[in-house]
Amino acid sequence: MLSVNEAQQAFQQFAARRPLLLDGTLYVDEWYEDASDYLPVWGAREFYVDGDHSYARWDQRVVFIDKASGAVRVEYLPDHVVKVGAMTPVAVAR
């Protein structure tokens, strides 16, 4: 079973190999989990830290990291809105 810190590393490695389409600098603001997956809330540092709304994301993509296998997958939020809404926050080391 993957820890959230291992999920954080898996996400960083995934983003390095397959850069996510994004204006600005990749930043993870929060992490969520359910029984099977972790969910990083990601976007531009310029949006989350600096508050520049011109860097807001509108693509409705979510990234799940499977707790059992460590597989990272990009999905479309409207297909998973119930799952995402039921996930709970989890703390990570920054």
PDB file of N, CA and C in Angstrom:
ATOM      1  N   MET A   1       0.847  -1.180   0.000  1.00  0.00           N
ATOM      2  CA  MET A   1       0.000   0.000   0.000  1.00  0.00           C
ATOM      3  C   MET A   1       0.891   1.241   0.000  1.00  0.00           C
ATOM      4  N   LEU A   2       0.645   2.106  -0.941  1.00  0.00           N
ATOM      5  CA  LEU A   2       1.415   3.332  -1.124  1.00  0.00           C
ATOM      6  C   LEU A   2       1.108   4.351  -0.026  1.00  0.00           C
ATOM      7  N   SER A   3       2.133   4.977   0.519  1.00  0.00           N
ATOM      8  CA  SER A   3       1.919   6.090   1.451  1.00  0.00           C
ATOM      9  C   SER A   3       1.679   7.362   0.642  1.00  0.00           C
ATOM     10  N   VAL A   4       1.163   8.386   1.282  1.00  0.00           N
ATOM     11  CA  VAL A   4       0.930   9.634   0.565  1.00  0.00           C
ATOM     12  C   VAL A   4       2.251  10.257   0.111  1.00  0.00           C
ATOM     13  N   ASN A   5       3.310  10.075   0.874  1.00  0.00           N
ATOM     14  CA  ASN A   5       4.613  10.609   0.465  1.00  0.00           C
ATOM     15  C   ASN A   5       5.130   9.878  -0.776  1.00  0.00           C
ATOM     16  N   GLU A   6       4.877   8.571  -0.868  1.00  0.00           N
ATOM     17  CA  GLU A   6       5.244   7.820  -2.067  1.00  0.00           C
ATOM     18  C   GLU A   6       4.374   8.252  -3.256  1.00  0.00           C
ATOM     19  N   ALA A   7       3.111   8.545  -2.985  1.00  0.00           N
ATOM     20  CA  ALA A   7       2.221   9.051  -4.038  1.00  0.00           C
ATOM     21  C   ALA A   7       2.712  10.402  -4.546  1.00  0.00           C
ATOM     22  N   GLN A   8       3.197  11.222  -3.652  1.00  0.00           N
ATOM     23  CA  GLN A   8       3.749  12.531  -4.027  1.00  0.00           C
ATOM     24  C   GLN A   8       4.940  12.339  -4.972  1.00  0.00           C
ATOM     25  N   GLN A   9       5.807  11.397  -4.667  1.00  0.00           N
ATOM     26  CA  GLN A   9       6.952  11.108  -5.537  1.00  0.00           C
ATOM     27  C   GLN A   9       6.487  10.560  -6.882  1.00  0.00           C
ATOM     28  N   ALA A  10       5.494   9.682  -6.860  1.00  0.00           N
ATOM     29  CA  ALA A  10       4.971   9.114  -8.107  1.00  0.00           C
ATOM     30  C   ALA A  10       4.387  10.216  -8.993  1.00  0.00           C
ATOM     31  N   PHE A  11       3.693  11.167  -8.394  1.00  0.00           N
ATOM     32  CA  PHE A  11       3.118  12.282  -9.148  1.00  0.00           C
ATOM     33  C   PHE A  11       4.226  13.138  -9.755  1.00  0.00           C
ATOM     34  N   GLN A  12       5.245  13.444  -8.984  1.00  0.00           N
ATOM     35  CA  GLN A  12       6.361  14.257  -9.484  1.00  0.00           C
ATOM     36  C   GLN A  12       7.070  13.558 -10.643  1.00  0.00           C
ATOM     37  N   GLN A  13       7.288  12.256 -10.522  1.00  0.00           N
ATOM     38  CA  GLN A  13       7.940  11.494 -11.591  1.00  0.00           C
ATOM     39  C   GLN A  13       7.056  11.462 -12.840  1.00  0.00           C
ATOM     40  N   PHE A  14       5.767  11.267 -12.648  1.00  0.00           N
ATOM     41  CA  PHE A  14       4.816  11.265 -13.758  1.00  0.00           C
ATOM     42  C   PHE A  14       4.846  12.610 -14.481  1.00  0.00           C
ATOM     43  N   ALA A  15       4.773  13.693 -13.731  1.00  0.00           N
ATOM     44  CA  ALA A  15       4.757  15.037 -14.319  1.00  0.00           C
ATOM     45  C   ALA A  15       6.082  15.357 -15.021  1.00  0.00           C
ATOM     46  N   ALA A  16       7.181  14.802 -14.547  1.00  0.00           N
ATOM     47  CA  ALA A  16       8.475  15.016 -15.201  1.00  0.00           C
ATOM     48  C   ALA A  16       8.544  14.272 -16.535  1.00  0.00           C
ATOM     49  N   ARG A  17       7.962  13.075 -16.580  1.00  0.00           N
ATOM     50  CA  ARG A  17       7.973  12.268 -17.812  1.00  0.00           C
ATOM     51  C   ARG A  17       6.922  12.741 -18.808  1.00  0.00           C
ATOM     52  N   ARG A  18       5.789  13.156 -18.298  1.00  0.00           N
ATOM     53  CA  ARG A  18       4.659  13.555 -19.135  1.00  0.00           C
ATOM     54  C   ARG A  18       4.117  14.883 -18.612  1.00  0.00           C
ATOM     55  N   PRO A  19       4.771  15.976 -18.969  1.00  0.00           N
ATOM     56  CA  PRO A  19       4.368  17.266 -18.408  1.00  0.00           C
ATOM     57  C   PRO A  19       2.870  17.542 -18.613  1.00  0.00           C
ATOM     58  N   LEU A  20       2.239  17.986 -17.549  1.00  0.00           N
ATOM     59  CA  LEU A  20       0.825  18.330 -17.592  1.00  0.00           C
ATOM     60  C   LEU A  20       0.683  19.691 -18.259  1.00  0.00           C
ATOM     61  N   LEU A  21      -0.271  19.814 -19.166  1.00  0.00           N
ATOM     62  CA  LEU A  21      -0.470  21.085 -19.846  1.00  0.00           C
ATOM     63  C   LEU A  21      -0.895  22.121 -18.821  1.00  0.00           C
ATOM     64  N   LEU A  22      -0.083  23.157 -18.704  1.00  0.00           N
ATOM     65  CA  LEU A  22      -0.267  24.097 -17.614  1.00  0.00           C
ATOM     66  C   LEU A  22       0.499  25.374 -17.913  1.00  0.00           C
ATOM     67  N   ASP A  23      -0.136  26.496 -17.704  1.00  0.00           N
ATOM     68  CA  ASP A  23       0.583  27.767 -17.719  1.00  0.00           C
ATOM     69  C   ASP A  23       1.137  27.979 -16.322  1.00  0.00           C
ATOM     70  N   GLY A  24       2.398  28.300 -16.221  1.00  0.00           N
ATOM     71  CA  GLY A  24       2.991  28.547 -14.913  1.00  0.00           C
ATOM     72  C   GLY A  24       3.796  27.366 -14.412  1.00  0.00           C
ATOM     73  N   THR A  25       4.093  27.395 -13.128  1.00  0.00           N
ATOM     74  CA  THR A  25       4.933  26.412 -12.463  1.00  0.00           C
ATOM     75  C   THR A  25       4.062  25.400 -11.737  1.00  0.00           C
ATOM     76  N   LEU A  26       4.285  24.115 -12.000  1.00  0.00           N
ATOM     77  CA  LEU A  26       3.479  23.066 -11.375  1.00  0.00           C
ATOM     78  C   LEU A  26       3.575  23.137  -9.851  1.00  0.00           C
ATOM     79  N   TYR A  27       2.418  23.061  -9.207  1.00  0.00           N
ATOM     80  CA  TYR A  27       2.327  23.160  -7.752  1.00  0.00           C
ATOM     81  C   TYR A  27       1.175  22.277  -7.282  1.00  0.00           C
ATOM     82  N   VAL A  28       1.383  21.553  -6.188  1.00  0.00           N
ATOM     83  CA  VAL A  28       0.310  20.769  -5.580  1.00  0.00           C
ATOM     84  C   VAL A  28      -0.112  21.483  -4.302  1.00  0.00           C
ATOM     85  N   ASP A  29      -1.372  21.898  -4.273  1.00  0.00           N
ATOM     86  CA  ASP A  29      -1.892  22.670  -3.144  1.00  0.00           C
ATOM     87  C   ASP A  29      -2.357  21.784  -1.995  1.00  0.00           C
ATOM     88  N   GLU A  30      -3.038  20.682  -2.318  1.00  0.00           N
ATOM     89  CA  GLU A  30      -3.575  19.795  -1.292  1.00  0.00           C
ATOM     90  C   GLU A  30      -3.594  18.361  -1.810  1.00  0.00           C
ATOM     91  N   TRP A  31      -3.764  17.421  -0.899  1.00  0.00           N
ATOM     92  CA  TRP A  31      -3.912  16.017  -1.235  1.00  0.00           C
ATOM     93  C   TRP A  31      -5.171  15.475  -0.588  1.00  0.00           C
ATOM     94  N   TYR A  32      -5.844  14.563  -1.300  1.00  0.00           N
ATOM     95  CA  TYR A  32      -7.038  13.876  -0.802  1.00  0.00           C
ATOM     96  C   TYR A  32      -6.860  12.394  -1.030  1.00  0.00           C
ATOM     97  N   GLU A  33      -7.687  11.599  -0.325  1.00  0.00           N
ATOM     98  CA  GLU A  33      -7.620  10.153  -0.485  1.00  0.00           C
ATOM     99  C   GLU A  33      -8.978   9.519  -0.267  1.00  0.00           C
ATOM    100  N   ASP A  34      -9.110   8.318  -0.809  1.00  0.00           N
ATOM    101  CA  ASP A  34     -10.197   7.410  -0.466  1.00  0.00           C
ATOM    102  C   ASP A  34      -9.545   6.038  -0.298  1.00  0.00           C
ATOM    103  N   ALA A  35     -10.329   4.991  -0.243  1.00  0.00           N
ATOM    104  CA  ALA A  35      -9.771   3.666   0.012  1.00  0.00           C
ATOM    105  C   ALA A  35      -8.817   3.186  -1.083  1.00  0.00           C
ATOM    106  N   SER A  36      -9.004   3.666  -2.319  1.00  0.00           N
ATOM    107  CA  SER A  36      -8.209   3.135  -3.425  1.00  0.00           C
ATOM    108  C   SER A  36      -7.216   4.104  -4.048  1.00  0.00           C
ATOM    109  N   ASP A  37      -7.409   5.408  -3.893  1.00  0.00           N
ATOM    110  CA  ASP A  37      -6.583   6.386  -4.613  1.00  0.00           C
ATOM    111  C   ASP A  37      -6.208   7.589  -3.763  1.00  0.00           C
ATOM    112  N   TYR A  38      -5.119   8.227  -4.192  1.00  0.00           N
ATOM    113  CA  TYR A  38      -4.768   9.573  -3.732  1.00  0.00           C
ATOM    114  C   TYR A  38      -5.113  10.546  -4.862  1.00  0.00           C
ATOM    115  N   LEU A  39      -5.407  11.778  -4.484  1.00  0.00           N
ATOM    116  CA  LEU A  39      -5.739  12.825  -5.447  1.00  0.00           C
ATOM    117  C   LEU A  39      -4.970  14.092  -5.097  1.00  0.00           C
ATOM    118  N   PRO A  40      -3.997  14.490  -5.915  1.00  0.00           N
ATOM    119  CA  PRO A  40      -3.354  15.788  -5.708  1.00  0.00           C
ATOM    120  C   PRO A  40      -4.203  16.894  -6.346  1.00  0.00           C
ATOM    121  N   VAL A  41      -4.362  17.988  -5.632  1.00  0.00           N
ATOM    122  CA  VAL A  41      -5.014  19.172  -6.205  1.00  0.00           C
ATOM    123  C   VAL A  41      -3.878  20.018  -6.765  1.00  0.00           C
ATOM    124  N   TRP A  42      -3.770  20.041  -8.090  1.00  0.00           N
ATOM    125  CA  TRP A  42      -2.598  20.626  -8.730  1.00  0.00           C
ATOM    126  C   TRP A  42      -2.995  21.762  -9.665  1.00  0.00           C
ATOM    127  N   GLY A  43      -2.016  22.595  -9.913  1.00  0.00           N
ATOM    128  CA  GLY A  43      -2.192  23.720 -10.823  1.00  0.00           C
ATOM    129  C   GLY A  43      -0.929  24.550 -10.810  1.00  0.00           C
ATOM    130  N   ALA A  44      -1.080  25.806 -11.115  1.00  0.00           N
ATOM    131  CA  ALA A  44       0.069  26.704 -11.186  1.00  0.00           C
ATOM    132  C   ALA A  44       0.351  27.348  -9.830  1.00  0.00           C
ATOM    133  N   ARG A  45       1.608  27.360  -9.473  1.00  0.00           N
ATOM    134  CA  ARG A  45       2.035  28.049  -8.249  1.00  0.00           C
ATOM    135  C   ARG A  45       1.591  29.514  -8.287  1.00  0.00           C
ATOM    136  N   GLU A  46       1.637  30.086  -9.468  1.00  0.00           N
ATOM    137  CA  GLU A  46       1.258  31.492  -9.620  1.00  0.00           C
ATOM    138  C   GLU A  46      -0.211  31.718  -9.226  1.00  0.00           C
ATOM    139  N   PHE A  47      -1.032  30.693  -9.364  1.00  0.00           N
ATOM    140  CA  PHE A  47      -2.434  30.783  -8.951  1.00  0.00           C
ATOM    141  C   PHE A  47      -2.574  30.526  -7.453  1.00  0.00           C
ATOM    142  N   TYR A  48      -2.080  29.369  -6.989  1.00  0.00           N
ATOM    143  CA  TYR A  48      -2.282  28.963  -5.601  1.00  0.00           C
ATOM    144  C   TYR A  48      -1.520  29.801  -4.587  1.00  0.00           C
ATOM    145  N   VAL A  49      -0.304  30.181  -4.904  1.00  0.00           N
ATOM    146  CA  VAL A  49       0.527  30.914  -3.949  1.00  0.00           C
ATOM    147  C   VAL A  49       0.424  32.424  -4.160  1.00  0.00           C
ATOM    148  N   ASP A  50       0.533  32.841  -5.419  1.00  0.00           N
ATOM    149  CA  ASP A  50       0.559  34.274  -5.715  1.00  0.00           C
ATOM    150  C   ASP A  50      -0.830  34.877  -5.893  1.00  0.00           C
ATOM    151  N   GLY A  51      -1.843  34.037  -6.094  1.00  0.00           N
ATOM    152  CA  GLY A  51      -3.214  34.529  -6.251  1.00  0.00           C
ATOM    153  C   GLY A  51      -3.519  35.140  -7.603  1.00  0.00           C
ATOM    154  N   ASP A  52      -2.711  34.818  -8.607  1.00  0.00           N
ATOM    155  CA  ASP A  52      -2.924  35.360  -9.954  1.00  0.00           C
ATOM    156  C   ASP A  52      -3.941  34.487 -10.694  1.00  0.00           C
ATOM    157  N   HIS A  53      -5.167  34.971 -10.797  1.00  0.00           N
ATOM    158  CA  HIS A  53      -6.254  34.189 -11.382  1.00  0.00           C
ATOM    159  C   HIS A  53      -6.102  33.940 -12.882  1.00  0.00           C
ATOM    160  N   SER A  54      -5.193  34.634 -13.521  1.00  0.00           N
ATOM    161  CA  SER A  54      -4.963  34.359 -14.941  1.00  0.00           C
ATOM    162  C   SER A  54      -4.303  32.988 -15.135  1.00  0.00           C
ATOM    163  N   TYR A  55      -3.825  32.372 -14.048  1.00  0.00           N
ATOM    164  CA  TYR A  55      -3.217  31.045 -14.107  1.00  0.00           C
ATOM    165  C   TYR A  55      -4.176  29.927 -13.675  1.00  0.00           C
ATOM    166  N   ALA A  56      -5.435  30.245 -13.480  1.00  0.00           N
ATOM    167  CA  ALA A  56      -6.412  29.229 -13.073  1.00  0.00           C
ATOM    168  C   ALA A  56      -6.569  28.172 -14.164  1.00  0.00           C
ATOM    169  N   ARG A  57      -6.789  26.936 -13.748  1.00  0.00           N
ATOM    170  CA  ARG A  57      -7.021  25.838 -14.693  1.00  0.00           C
ATOM    171  C   ARG A  57      -8.510  25.712 -14.962  1.00  0.00           C
ATOM    172  N   TRP A  58      -8.857  25.398 -16.210  1.00  0.00           N
ATOM    173  CA  TRP A  58     -10.245  25.211 -16.612  1.00  0.00           C
ATOM    174  C   TRP A  58     -10.451  23.887 -17.330  1.00  0.00           C
ATOM    175  N   ASP A  59      -9.458  23.007 -17.295  1.00  0.00           N
ATOM    176  CA  ASP A  59      -9.500  21.783 -18.090  1.00  0.00           C
ATOM    177  C   ASP A  59     -10.281  20.638 -17.450  1.00  0.00           C
ATOM    178  N   GLN A  60     -10.595  20.717 -16.187  1.00  0.00           N
ATOM    179  CA  GLN A  60     -11.361  19.704 -15.456  1.00  0.00           C
ATOM    180  C   GLN A  60     -10.689  18.334 -15.427  1.00  0.00           C
ATOM    181  N   ARG A  61      -9.360  18.316 -15.481  1.00  0.00           N
ATOM    182  CA  ARG A  61      -8.624  17.056 -15.347  1.00  0.00           C
ATOM    183  C   ARG A  61      -8.287  16.818 -13.879  1.00  0.00           C
ATOM    184  N   VAL A  62      -8.342  15.570 -13.476  1.00  0.00           N
ATOM    185  CA  VAL A  62      -7.882  15.155 -12.157  1.00  0.00           C
ATOM    186  C   VAL A  62      -6.863  14.041 -12.352  1.00  0.00           C
ATOM    187  N   VAL A  63      -5.982  13.919 -11.390  1.00  0.00           N
ATOM    188  CA  VAL A  63      -4.971  12.872 -11.425  1.00  0.00           C
ATOM    189  C   VAL A  63      -5.184  11.988 -10.201  1.00  0.00           C
ATOM    190  N   PHE A  64      -5.298  10.695 -10.438  1.00  0.00           N
ATOM    191  CA  PHE A  64      -5.407   9.726  -9.351  1.00  0.00           C
ATOM    192  C   PHE A  64      -4.140   8.900  -9.298  1.00  0.00           C
ATOM    193  N   ILE A  65      -3.684   8.604  -8.075  1.00  0.00           N
ATOM    194  CA  ILE A  65      -2.561   7.693  -7.878  1.00  0.00           C
ATOM    195  C   ILE A  65      -3.110   6.489  -7.116  1.00  0.00           C
ATOM    196  N   ASP A  66      -3.063   5.330  -7.752  1.00  0.00           N
ATOM    197  CA  ASP A  66      -3.600   4.100  -7.177  1.00  0.00           C
ATOM    198  C   ASP A  66      -2.764   3.681  -5.964  1.00  0.00           C
ATOM    199  N   LYS A  67      -3.421   3.475  -4.840  1.00  0.00           N
ATOM    200  CA  LYS A  67      -2.712   3.128  -3.607  1.00  0.00           C
ATOM    201  C   LYS A  67      -2.070   1.746  -3.670  1.00  0.00           C
ATOM    202  N   ALA A  68      -2.662   0.817  -4.388  1.00  0.00           N
ATOM    203  CA  ALA A  68      -2.137  -0.549  -4.446  1.00  0.00           C
ATOM    204  C   ALA A  68      -0.953  -0.676  -5.399  1.00  0.00           C
ATOM    205  N   SER A  69      -1.060  -0.057  -6.574  1.00  0.00           N
ATOM    206  CA  SER A  69      -0.037  -0.258  -7.601  1.00  0.00           C
ATOM    207  C   SER A  69       0.902   0.930  -7.810  1.00  0.00           C
ATOM    208  N   GLY A  70       0.472   2.113  -7.382  1.00  0.00           N
ATOM    209  CA  GLY A  70       1.260   3.317  -7.643  1.00  0.00           C
ATOM    210  C   GLY A  70       1.045   3.887  -9.032  1.00  0.00           C
ATOM    211  N   ALA A  71       0.143   3.280  -9.801  1.00  0.00           N
ATOM    212  CA  ALA A  71      -0.141   3.771 -11.159  1.00  0.00           C
ATOM    213  C   ALA A  71      -0.790   5.148 -11.088  1.00  0.00           C
ATOM    214  N   VAL A  72      -0.354   6.013 -11.995  1.00  0.00           N
ATOM    215  CA  VAL A  72      -0.887   7.372 -12.078  1.00  0.00           C
ATOM    216  C   VAL A  72      -1.760   7.455 -13.318  1.00  0.00           C
ATOM    217  N   ARG A  73      -2.953   7.997 -13.150  1.00  0.00           N
ATOM    218  CA  ARG A  73      -3.847   8.138 -14.296  1.00  0.00           C
ATOM    219  C   ARG A  73      -4.516   9.501 -14.283  1.00  0.00           C
ATOM    220  N   VAL A  74      -4.685  10.049 -15.471  1.00  0.00           N
ATOM    221  CA  VAL A  74      -5.358  11.334 -15.653  1.00  0.00           C
ATOM    222  C   VAL A  74      -6.785  11.030 -16.107  1.00  0.00           C
ATOM    223  N   GLU A  75      -7.744  11.624 -15.430  1.00  0.00           N
ATOM    224  CA  GLU A  75      -9.158  11.394 -15.716  1.00  0.00           C
ATOM    225  C   GLU A  75      -9.859  12.751 -15.894  1.00  0.00           C
ATOM    226  N   TYR A  76     -11.094  12.681 -16.297  1.00  0.00           N
ATOM    227  CA  TYR A  76     -11.926  13.857 -16.514  1.00  0.00           C
ATOM    228  C   TYR A  76     -12.842  14.011 -15.297  1.00  0.00           C
ATOM    229  N   LEU A  77     -12.758  15.133 -14.601  1.00  0.00           N
ATOM    230  CA  LEU A  77     -13.478  15.346 -13.349  1.00  0.00           C
ATOM    231  C   LEU A  77     -14.973  15.025 -13.414  1.00  0.00           C
ATOM    232  N   PRO A  78     -15.726  15.477 -14.425  1.00  0.00           N
ATOM    233  CA  PRO A  78     -17.159  15.181 -14.409  1.00  0.00           C
ATOM    234  C   PRO A  78     -17.487  13.687 -14.342  1.00  0.00           C
ATOM    235  N   ASP A  79     -16.583  12.828 -14.810  1.00  0.00           N
ATOM    236  CA  ASP A  79     -16.800  11.389 -14.733  1.00  0.00           C
ATOM    237  C   ASP A  79     -16.587  10.843 -13.315  1.00  0.00           C
ATOM    238  N   HIS A  80     -15.975  11.634 -12.450  1.00  0.00           N
ATOM    239  CA  HIS A  80     -15.600  11.169 -11.110  1.00  0.00           C
ATOM    240  C   HIS A  80     -16.011  12.149 -10.011  1.00  0.00           C
ATOM    241  N   VAL A  81     -16.973  13.001 -10.281  1.00  0.00           N
ATOM    242  CA  VAL A  81     -17.332  14.053  -9.323  1.00  0.00           C
ATOM    243  C   VAL A  81     -17.810  13.482  -7.985  1.00  0.00           C
ATOM    244  N   VAL A  82     -18.533  12.368  -7.989  1.00  0.00           N
ATOM    245  CA  VAL A  82     -18.989  11.759  -6.740  1.00  0.00           C
ATOM    246  C   VAL A  82     -17.800  11.219  -5.951  1.00  0.00           C
ATOM    247  N   LYS A  83     -16.886  10.525  -6.629  1.00  0.00           N
ATOM    248  CA  LYS A  83     -15.688   9.990  -5.977  1.00  0.00           C
ATOM    249  C   LYS A  83     -14.862  11.116  -5.359  1.00  0.00           C
ATOM    250  N   VAL A  84     -14.591  12.159  -6.136  1.00  0.00           N
ATOM    251  CA  VAL A  84     -13.773  13.273  -5.659  1.00  0.00           C
ATOM    252  C   VAL A  84     -14.452  13.962  -4.478  1.00  0.00           C
ATOM    253  N   GLY A  85     -15.764  14.145  -4.555  1.00  0.00           N
ATOM    254  CA  GLY A  85     -16.490  14.792  -3.472  1.00  0.00           C
ATOM    255  C   GLY A  85     -16.477  14.011  -2.171  1.00  0.00           C
ATOM    256  N   ALA A  86     -16.284  12.710  -2.247  1.00  0.00           N
ATOM    257  CA  ALA A  86     -16.273  11.864  -1.053  1.00  0.00           C
ATOM    258  C   ALA A  86     -14.867  11.673  -0.475  1.00  0.00           C
ATOM    259  N   MET A  87     -13.840  12.144  -1.166  1.00  0.00           N
ATOM    260  CA  MET A  87     -12.470  11.950  -0.689  1.00  0.00           C
ATOM    261  C   MET A  87     -12.199  12.862   0.507  1.00  0.00           C
ATOM    262  N   THR A  88     -11.250  12.445   1.338  1.00  0.00           N
ATOM    263  CA  THR A  88     -10.924  13.208   2.537  1.00  0.00           C
ATOM    264  C   THR A  88      -9.507  13.773   2.441  1.00  0.00           C
ATOM    265  N   PRO A  89      -9.274  14.930   3.074  1.00  0.00           N
ATOM    266  CA  PRO A  89      -7.932  15.541   3.035  1.00  0.00           C
ATOM    267  C   PRO A  89      -6.905  14.668   3.756  1.00  0.00           C
ATOM    268  N   VAL A  90      -5.689  14.737   3.276  1.00  0.00           N
ATOM    269  CA  VAL A  90      -4.585  14.021   3.896  1.00  0.00           C
ATOM    270  C   VAL A  90      -3.367  14.957   3.909  1.00  0.00           C
ATOM    271  N   ALA A  91      -2.631  14.950   4.995  1.00  0.00           N
ATOM    272  CA  ALA A  91      -1.467  15.829   5.131  1.00  0.00           C
ATOM    273  C   ALA A  91      -0.236  15.207   4.475  1.00  0.00           C
ATOM    274  N   VAL A  92       0.574  16.051   3.849  1.00  0.00           N
ATOM    275  CA  VAL A  92       1.846  15.609   3.274  1.00  0.00           C
ATOM    276  C   VAL A  92       2.946  16.552   3.743  1.00  0.00           C
ATOM    277  N   ALA A  93       4.147  16.026   3.764  1.00  0.00           N
ATOM    278  CA  ALA A  93       5.309  16.853   4.076  1.00  0.00           C
ATOM    279  C   ALA A  93       5.644  17.708   2.883  1.00  0.00           C
ATOM    280  N   ARG A  94       5.920  18.957   3.076  1.00  0.00           N
ATOM    281  CA  ARG A  94       6.273  19.862   1.971  1.00  0.00           C
ATOM    282  C   ARG A  94       7.759  20.050   1.907  1.00  0.00           C
TER     283      ARG A  94
END
